[in-house]
PDB file of N, CA and C in Angstrom:
ATOM      1  N   UNK A   1      41.069   0.164  -6.126  1.00  0.00           N
ATOM      2  CA  UNK A   1      40.539  -0.858  -7.291  1.00  0.00           C
ATOM      3  C   UNK A   1      39.176   0.150  -7.350  1.00  0.00           C
ATOM      4  N   UNK A   2      38.723   0.145  -8.231  1.00  0.00           N
ATOM      5  CA  UNK A   2      37.624   1.052  -9.008  1.00  0.00           C
ATOM      6  C   UNK A   2      36.347   0.018  -8.152  1.00  0.00           C
ATOM      7  N   UNK A   3      35.556   0.756  -8.153  1.00  0.00           N
ATOM      8  CA  UNK A   3      34.065  -0.353  -8.039  1.00  0.00           C
ATOM      9  C   UNK A   3      33.519  -0.051  -9.503  1.00  0.00           C
ATOM     10  N   UNK A   4      32.499  -0.940  -9.511  1.00  0.00           N
ATOM     11  CA  UNK A   4      31.470  -1.367 -11.607  1.00  0.00           C
ATOM     12  C   UNK A   4      30.492  -0.456 -10.654  1.00  0.00           C
ATOM     13  N   UNK A   5      29.573  -0.442 -11.930  1.00  0.00           N
ATOM     14  CA  UNK A   5      28.431   0.555 -11.596  1.00  0.00           C
ATOM     15  C   UNK A   5      27.495  -0.296 -10.909  1.00  0.00           C
ATOM     16  N   UNK A   6      27.608  -1.602 -11.482  1.00  0.00           N
ATOM     17  CA  UNK A   6      26.744  -3.099 -10.879  1.00  0.00           C
ATOM     18  C   UNK A   6      26.840  -3.008  -9.159  1.00  0.00           C
ATOM     19  N   UNK A   7      27.760  -2.952  -8.666  1.00  0.00           N
ATOM     20  CA  UNK A   7      28.499  -2.761  -7.252  1.00  0.00           C
ATOM     21  C   UNK A   7      27.778  -1.382  -6.499  1.00  0.00           C
ATOM     22  N   UNK A   8      28.065  -0.382  -7.406  1.00  0.00           N
ATOM     23  CA  UNK A   8      27.432   1.072  -6.438  1.00  0.00           C
ATOM     24  C   UNK A   8      25.955   0.503  -6.550  1.00  0.00           C
ATOM     25  N   UNK A   9      25.261   0.419  -7.582  1.00  0.00           N
ATOM     26  CA  UNK A   9      24.598   0.094  -7.583  1.00  0.00           C
ATOM     27  C   UNK A   9      22.807  -0.951  -6.342  1.00  0.00           C
ATOM     28  N   UNK A  10      24.482  -1.941  -6.408  1.00  0.00           N
ATOM     29  CA  UNK A  10      23.488  -2.640  -5.588  1.00  0.00           C
ATOM     30  C   UNK A  10      23.860  -2.279  -4.052  1.00  0.00           C
ATOM     31  N   UNK A  11      24.917  -1.578  -3.816  1.00  0.00           N
ATOM     32  CA  UNK A  11      25.044  -1.168  -2.682  1.00  0.00           C
ATOM     33  C   UNK A  11      23.991   0.099  -2.251  1.00  0.00           C
ATOM     34  N   UNK A  12      24.121   1.203  -3.613  1.00  0.00           N
ATOM     35  CA  UNK A  12      22.899   1.754  -2.829  1.00  0.00           C
ATOM     36  C   UNK A  12      21.128   1.420  -3.038  1.00  0.00           C
ATOM     37  N   UNK A  13      20.840   0.155  -3.369  1.00  0.00           N
ATOM     38  CA  UNK A  13      19.930  -0.639  -3.357  1.00  0.00           C
ATOM     39  C   UNK A  13      19.568  -1.149  -1.729  1.00  0.00           C
ATOM     40  N   UNK A  14      20.943  -1.807  -1.200  1.00  0.00           N
ATOM     41  CA  UNK A  14      21.272  -2.277  -0.645  1.00  0.00           C
ATOM     42  C   UNK A  14      20.469  -1.007   1.124  1.00  0.00           C
ATOM     43  N   UNK A  15      21.302   0.063   1.015  1.00  0.00           N
ATOM     44  CA  UNK A  15      21.370   1.047   2.429  1.00  0.00           C
ATOM     45  C   UNK A  15      19.791   2.069   1.604  1.00  0.00           C
ATOM     46  N   UNK A  16      19.009   2.203   0.542  1.00  0.00           N
ATOM     47  CA  UNK A  16      17.293   2.402   0.649  1.00  0.00           C
ATOM     48  C   UNK A  16      16.824   1.323   0.740  1.00  0.00           C
ATOM     49  N   UNK A  17      17.138   0.101   1.602  1.00  0.00           N
ATOM     50  CA  UNK A  17      16.385  -0.809   1.775  1.00  0.00           C
ATOM     51  C   UNK A  17      15.186  -0.377   3.060  1.00  0.00           C
ATOM     52  N   UNK A  18      15.524   0.455   3.965  1.00  0.00           N
ATOM     53  CA  UNK A  18      15.116   1.306   4.809  1.00  0.00           C
ATOM     54  C   UNK A  18      14.968   3.023   3.954  1.00  0.00           C
ATOM     55  N   UNK A  19      13.649   3.417   4.053  1.00  0.00           N
ATOM     56  CA  UNK A  19      14.284   4.444   3.445  1.00  0.00           C
ATOM     57  C   UNK A  19      15.611   5.475   4.016  1.00  0.00           C
ATOM     58  N   UNK A  20      16.065   5.996   3.151  1.00  0.00           N
ATOM     59  CA  UNK A  20      17.452   6.872   3.234  1.00  0.00           C
ATOM     60  C   UNK A  20      17.448   8.018   2.381  1.00  0.00           C
ATOM     61  N   UNK A  21      17.959   9.215   3.397  1.00  0.00           N
ATOM     62  CA  UNK A  21      18.815  10.545   2.590  1.00  0.00           C
ATOM     63  C   UNK A  21      19.293  10.399   1.512  1.00  0.00           C
ATOM     64  N   UNK A  22      19.720  10.862   1.051  1.00  0.00           N
ATOM     65  CA  UNK A  22      20.661  11.212  -0.212  1.00  0.00           C
ATOM     66  C   UNK A  22      21.761  11.415   0.916  1.00  0.00           C
ATOM     67  N   UNK A  23      21.672  11.988   2.106  1.00  0.00           N
ATOM     68  CA  UNK A  23      23.065  11.976   2.306  1.00  0.00           C
ATOM     69  C   UNK A  23      23.426  10.842   2.927  1.00  0.00           C
ATOM     70  N   UNK A  24      22.522   9.876   3.396  1.00  0.00           N
ATOM     71  CA  UNK A  24      22.836   9.333   4.237  1.00  0.00           C
ATOM     72  C   UNK A  24      23.670   8.413   3.029  1.00  0.00           C
ATOM     73  N   UNK A  25      22.716   8.091   2.273  1.00  0.00           N
ATOM     74  CA  UNK A  25      23.772   7.670   0.732  1.00  0.00           C
ATOM     75  C   UNK A  25      24.917   7.008   0.203  1.00  0.00           C
ATOM     76  N   UNK A  26      25.182   9.044  -0.096  1.00  0.00           N
ATOM     77  CA  UNK A  26      26.569   9.256  -0.460  1.00  0.00           C
ATOM     78  C   UNK A  26      27.255   8.756   1.336  1.00  0.00           C
ATOM     79  N   UNK A  27      26.837   8.668   2.517  1.00  0.00           N
ATOM     80  CA  UNK A  27      27.969   8.732   3.109  1.00  0.00           C
ATOM     81  C   UNK A  27      28.346   7.073   3.045  1.00  0.00           C
ATOM     82  N   UNK A  28      27.087   6.484   3.019  1.00  0.00           N
ATOM     83  CA  UNK A  28      27.248   4.913   3.436  1.00  0.00           C
ATOM     84  C   UNK A  28      28.054   4.319   2.155  1.00  0.00           C
ATOM     85  N   UNK A  29      27.491   4.571   0.435  1.00  0.00           N
ATOM     86  CA  UNK A  29      28.047   4.213  -0.270  1.00  0.00           C
ATOM     87  C   UNK A  29      29.845   4.837  -0.597  1.00  0.00           C
ATOM     88  N   UNK A  30      29.914   6.046  -0.030  1.00  0.00           N
ATOM     89  CA  UNK A  30      31.171   6.204  -0.100  1.00  0.00           C
ATOM     90  C   UNK A  30      31.743   6.960  -1.578  1.00  0.00           C
ATOM     91  N   UNK A  31      30.092   8.071  -2.181  1.00  0.00           N
ATOM     92  CA  UNK A  31      30.078   8.906  -3.466  1.00  0.00           C
ATOM     93  C   UNK A  31      30.211   9.928  -2.660  1.00  0.00           C
ATOM     94  N   UNK A  32      30.099  10.583  -3.653  1.00  0.00           N
ATOM     95  CA  UNK A  32      30.364  12.496  -3.559  1.00  0.00           C
ATOM     96  C   UNK A  32      28.264  13.024  -4.519  1.00  0.00           C
ATOM     97  N   UNK A  33      28.185  13.903  -3.908  1.00  0.00           N
ATOM     98  CA  UNK A  33      26.757  14.175  -4.176  1.00  0.00           C
ATOM     99  C   UNK A  33      26.569  14.744  -5.675  1.00  0.00           C
ATOM    100  N   UNK A  34      28.159  14.837  -6.314  1.00  0.00           N
ATOM    101  CA  UNK A  34      27.837  14.848  -7.604  1.00  0.00           C
ATOM    102  C   UNK A  34      27.389  13.983  -8.343  1.00  0.00           C
ATOM    103  N   UNK A  35      28.451  12.902  -7.801  1.00  0.00           N
ATOM    104  CA  UNK A  35      28.165  11.396  -8.593  1.00  0.00           C
ATOM    105  C   UNK A  35      26.753  10.837  -8.692  1.00  0.00           C
ATOM    106  N   UNK A  36      26.569  10.939  -7.433  1.00  0.00           N
ATOM    107  CA  UNK A  36      25.237  10.424  -6.635  1.00  0.00           C
ATOM    108  C   UNK A  36      23.763  10.316  -7.291  1.00  0.00           C
ATOM    109  N   UNK A  37      23.705  11.397  -8.077  1.00  0.00           N
ATOM    110  CA  UNK A  37      22.833  11.772  -8.593  1.00  0.00           C
ATOM    111  C   UNK A  37      22.307  10.959 -10.277  1.00  0.00           C
ATOM    112  N   UNK A  38      23.298  10.590 -11.114  1.00  0.00           N
ATOM    113  CA  UNK A  38      22.885   9.534 -12.154  1.00  0.00           C
ATOM    114  C   UNK A  38      22.527   8.391 -11.644  1.00  0.00           C
ATOM    115  N   UNK A  39      23.200   7.616 -10.962  1.00  0.00           N
ATOM    116  CA  UNK A  39      23.049   6.426 -10.105  1.00  0.00           C
ATOM    117  C   UNK A  39      21.198   6.847  -9.634  1.00  0.00           C
ATOM    118  N   UNK A  40      21.311   7.544  -8.981  1.00  0.00           N
ATOM    119  CA  UNK A  40      19.458   7.844  -8.391  1.00  0.00           C
ATOM    120  C   UNK A  40      18.573   8.077  -9.490  1.00  0.00           C
ATOM    121  N   UNK A  41      18.838   9.151 -10.685  1.00  0.00           N
ATOM    122  CA  UNK A  41      18.071   9.119 -11.795  1.00  0.00           C
ATOM    123  C   UNK A  41      17.789   7.434 -12.269  1.00  0.00           C
ATOM    124  N   UNK A  42      19.031   6.768 -12.841  1.00  0.00           N
ATOM    125  CA  UNK A  42      18.841   5.841 -13.241  1.00  0.00           C
ATOM    126  C   UNK A  42      17.743   4.897 -12.724  1.00  0.00           C
ATOM    127  N   UNK A  43      17.743   4.756 -10.988  1.00  0.00           N
ATOM    128  CA  UNK A  43      17.118   4.120 -10.431  1.00  0.00           C
ATOM    129  C   UNK A  43      15.932   4.264  -9.971  1.00  0.00           C
ATOM    130  N   UNK A  44      15.621   5.395 -10.387  1.00  0.00           N
ATOM    131  CA  UNK A  44      14.364   5.903 -10.417  1.00  0.00           C
ATOM    132  C   UNK A  44      14.148   5.691 -11.569  1.00  0.00           C
ATOM    133  N   UNK A  45      14.551   5.661 -12.593  1.00  0.00           N
ATOM    134  CA  UNK A  45      13.399   5.728 -13.851  1.00  0.00           C
ATOM    135  C   UNK A  45      13.137   4.250 -14.463  1.00  0.00           C
ATOM    136  N   UNK A  46      14.338   3.396 -13.583  1.00  0.00           N
ATOM    137  CA  UNK A  46      13.486   1.833 -13.915  1.00  0.00           C
ATOM    138  C   UNK A  46      12.570   1.596 -12.843  1.00  0.00           C
ATOM    139  N   UNK A  47      12.160   1.851 -12.017  1.00  0.00           N
ATOM    140  CA  UNK A  47      11.514   1.801 -10.978  1.00  0.00           C
ATOM    141  C   UNK A  47      12.005   0.656  -9.597  1.00  0.00           C
ATOM    142  N   UNK A  48      13.158   1.171  -9.846  1.00  0.00           N
ATOM    143  CA  UNK A  48      14.409   0.468  -8.476  1.00  0.00           C
ATOM    144  C   UNK A  48      14.343   0.698  -7.126  1.00  0.00           C
ATOM    145  N   UNK A  49      14.156   2.381  -7.339  1.00  0.00           N
ATOM    146  CA  UNK A  49      14.275   3.174  -5.969  1.00  0.00           C
ATOM    147  C   UNK A  49      12.373   4.068  -6.478  1.00  0.00           C
ATOM    148  N   UNK A  50      11.993   4.434  -5.349  1.00  0.00           N
ATOM    149  CA  UNK A  50      10.850   5.186  -5.520  1.00  0.00           C
ATOM    150  C   UNK A  50      11.466   6.622  -4.155  1.00  0.00           C
ATOM    151  N   UNK A  51      11.046   7.601  -5.320  1.00  0.00           N
ATOM    152  CA  UNK A  51      10.928   9.343  -4.221  1.00  0.00           C
ATOM    153  C   UNK A  51      10.053   9.683  -3.143  1.00  0.00           C
ATOM    154  N   UNK A  52       9.765   9.610  -2.037  1.00  0.00           N
ATOM    155  CA  UNK A  52       8.922  10.192  -1.295  1.00  0.00           C
ATOM    156  C   UNK A  52       9.799  11.508  -1.030  1.00  0.00           C
ATOM    157  N   UNK A  53       8.666  12.592  -1.084  1.00  0.00           N
ATOM    158  CA  UNK A  53       9.204  13.920  -0.858  1.00  0.00           C
ATOM    159  C   UNK A  53       8.097  14.967   0.181  1.00  0.00           C
ATOM    160  N   UNK A  54       8.857  14.959   1.189  1.00  0.00           N
ATOM    161  CA  UNK A  54       8.171  15.458   2.197  1.00  0.00           C
ATOM    162  C   UNK A  54       8.555  17.244   2.957  1.00  0.00           C
ATOM    163  N   UNK A  55       8.940  16.526   4.007  1.00  0.00           N
ATOM    164  CA  UNK A  55      10.413  17.374   4.601  1.00  0.00           C
ATOM    165  C   UNK A  55      11.622  17.150   4.481  1.00  0.00           C
ATOM    166  N   UNK A  56      11.149  16.168   4.155  1.00  0.00           N
ATOM    167  CA  UNK A  56      13.170  15.525   3.421  1.00  0.00           C
ATOM    168  C   UNK A  56      12.655  14.370   2.416  1.00  0.00           C
ATOM    169  N   UNK A  57      13.219  14.558   1.393  1.00  0.00           N
ATOM    170  CA  UNK A  57      13.484  13.877   0.458  1.00  0.00           C
ATOM    171  C   UNK A  57      13.703  12.222   0.904  1.00  0.00           C
ATOM    172  N   UNK A  58      13.589  11.579   0.486  1.00  0.00           N
ATOM    173  CA  UNK A  58      13.631  10.030   1.179  1.00  0.00           C
ATOM    174  C   UNK A  58      13.300   8.944  -0.151  1.00  0.00           C
ATOM    175  N   UNK A  59      14.349   8.012  -0.092  1.00  0.00           N
ATOM    176  CA  UNK A  59      14.776   7.222  -1.592  1.00  0.00           C
ATOM    177  C   UNK A  59      14.391   5.801  -0.803  1.00  0.00           C
ATOM    178  N   UNK A  60      13.714   5.046  -1.213  1.00  0.00           N
ATOM    179  CA  UNK A  60      13.101   3.906  -0.842  1.00  0.00           C
ATOM    180  C   UNK A  60      13.424   2.463  -1.936  1.00  0.00           C
ATOM    181  N   UNK A  61      14.265   1.532  -2.134  1.00  0.00           N
ATOM    182  CA  UNK A  61      13.974   0.234  -2.966  1.00  0.00           C
ATOM    183  C   UNK A  61      12.395  -0.076  -2.922  1.00  0.00           C
ATOM    184  N   UNK A  62      12.330  -0.726  -4.039  1.00  0.00           N
ATOM    185  CA  UNK A  62      10.905  -0.554  -4.672  1.00  0.00           C
ATOM    186  C   UNK A  62      11.161  -2.486  -4.683  1.00  0.00           C
ATOM    187  N   UNK A  63      10.001  -2.979  -4.357  1.00  0.00           N
ATOM    188  CA  UNK A  63      10.216  -4.760  -4.591  1.00  0.00           C
ATOM    189  C   UNK A  63      10.747  -5.099  -6.001  1.00  0.00           C
ATOM    190  N   UNK A  64      10.927  -4.606  -7.355  1.00  0.00           N
ATOM    191  CA  UNK A  64      11.397  -4.747  -8.285  1.00  0.00           C
ATOM    192  C   UNK A  64      13.039  -4.800  -7.788  1.00  0.00           C
ATOM    193  N   UNK A  65      13.323  -3.572  -7.553  1.00  0.00           N
ATOM    194  CA  UNK A  65      14.904  -3.257  -6.891  1.00  0.00           C
ATOM    195  C   UNK A  65      15.123  -4.190  -5.951  1.00  0.00           C
ATOM    196  N   UNK A  66      14.814  -4.467  -4.915  1.00  0.00           N
ATOM    197  CA  UNK A  66      14.869  -5.406  -3.830  1.00  0.00           C
ATOM    198  C   UNK A  66      15.069  -7.421  -4.594  1.00  0.00           C
ATOM    199  N   UNK A  67      14.466  -7.359  -5.569  1.00  0.00           N
ATOM    200  CA  UNK A  67      14.463  -8.724  -6.240  1.00  0.00           C
ATOM    201  C   UNK A  67      15.393  -8.633  -7.431  1.00  0.00           C
ATOM    202  N   UNK A  68      15.920  -7.398  -7.697  1.00  0.00           N
ATOM    203  CA  UNK A  68      17.659  -7.102  -8.551  1.00  0.00           C
ATOM    204  C   UNK A  68      18.502  -7.611  -7.813  1.00  0.00           C
ATOM    205  N   UNK A  69      18.112  -6.947  -6.415  1.00  0.00           N
ATOM    206  CA  UNK A  69      19.159  -6.711  -5.454  1.00  0.00           C
ATOM    207  C   UNK A  69      19.938  -7.894  -5.109  1.00  0.00           C
ATOM    208  N   UNK A  70      18.863  -8.868  -5.124  1.00  0.00           N
ATOM    209  CA  UNK A  70      18.795 -10.523  -4.368  1.00  0.00           C
ATOM    210  C   UNK A  70      19.400 -10.785  -5.617  1.00  0.00           C
ATOM    211  N   UNK A  71      19.174 -10.887  -7.123  1.00  0.00           N
ATOM    212  CA  UNK A  71      19.669 -10.946  -8.053  1.00  0.00           C
ATOM    213  C   UNK A  71      21.120 -11.235  -7.963  1.00  0.00           C
ATOM    214  N   UNK A  72      21.733  -9.749  -8.226  1.00  0.00           N
ATOM    215  CA  UNK A  72      22.858  -9.398  -7.880  1.00  0.00           C
ATOM    216  C   UNK A  72      23.898 -10.297  -6.747  1.00  0.00           C
ATOM    217  N   UNK A  73      23.137 -10.557  -5.612  1.00  0.00           N
ATOM    218  CA  UNK A  73      23.765 -11.053  -4.797  1.00  0.00           C
ATOM    219  C   UNK A  73      24.038 -12.276  -4.700  1.00  0.00           C
ATOM    220  N   UNK A  74      23.036 -13.030  -5.849  1.00  0.00           N
ATOM    221  CA  UNK A  74      23.201 -14.944  -5.893  1.00  0.00           C
ATOM    222  C   UNK A  74      24.198 -14.496  -7.147  1.00  0.00           C
ATOM    223  N   UNK A  75      24.535 -13.972  -8.162  1.00  0.00           N
ATOM    224  CA  UNK A  75      25.234 -13.775  -9.013  1.00  0.00           C
ATOM    225  C   UNK A  75      26.835 -13.395  -8.364  1.00  0.00           C
ATOM    226  N   UNK A  76      26.799 -12.895  -7.410  1.00  0.00           N
ATOM    227  CA  UNK A  76      28.431 -12.315  -6.981  1.00  0.00           C
ATOM    228  C   UNK A  76      28.689 -13.380  -5.843  1.00  0.00           C
ATOM    229  N   UNK A  77      27.856 -14.613  -5.448  1.00  0.00           N
ATOM    230  CA  UNK A  77      27.969 -15.708  -4.838  1.00  0.00           C
ATOM    231  C   UNK A  77      28.554 -16.359  -5.531  1.00  0.00           C
ATOM    232  N   UNK A  78      27.869 -16.746  -6.234  1.00  0.00           N
ATOM    233  CA  UNK A  78      28.154 -17.755  -7.672  1.00  0.00           C
ATOM    234  C   UNK A  78      29.649 -17.719  -7.976  1.00  0.00           C
ATOM    235  N   UNK A  79      30.116 -16.429  -8.222  1.00  0.00           N
ATOM    236  CA  UNK A  79      30.808 -15.926  -9.135  1.00  0.00           C
ATOM    237  C   UNK A  79      32.289 -16.334  -7.989  1.00  0.00           C
ATOM    238  N   UNK A  80      32.304 -15.957  -6.493  1.00  0.00           N
ATOM    239  CA  UNK A  80      33.160 -16.071  -5.529  1.00  0.00           C
ATOM    240  C   UNK A  80      33.477 -17.955  -5.247  1.00  0.00           C
ATOM    241  N   UNK A  81      32.644 -18.512  -5.515  1.00  0.00           N
ATOM    242  CA  UNK A  81      32.879 -19.826  -4.771  1.00  0.00           C
ATOM    243  C   UNK A  81      33.578 -20.450  -5.386  1.00  0.00           C
ATOM    244  N   UNK A  82      34.536 -21.438  -5.135  1.00  0.00           N
ATOM    245  CA  UNK A  82      35.965 -21.734  -5.580  1.00  0.00           C
ATOM    246  C   UNK A  82      36.078 -23.218  -6.614  1.00  0.00           C
TER     247      UNK A  82
END
């Protein structure tokens, strides 16, 4: 079954709660390097993740992103209740 954009975004935000490289995000979220870029662009433009460039580029979920992730979890939890 195909995942929604919201599910993928939530998974990326979860992985980036503690700084993550693009490679780690790709493998943990089960995407490929071509499909991850638009998601990272959207999340960065909306200040949901921040990018730190050094020896390695790392992505970290911002407080705004963490708040969104919590909201998504609550909505999913409410929808899954019987």
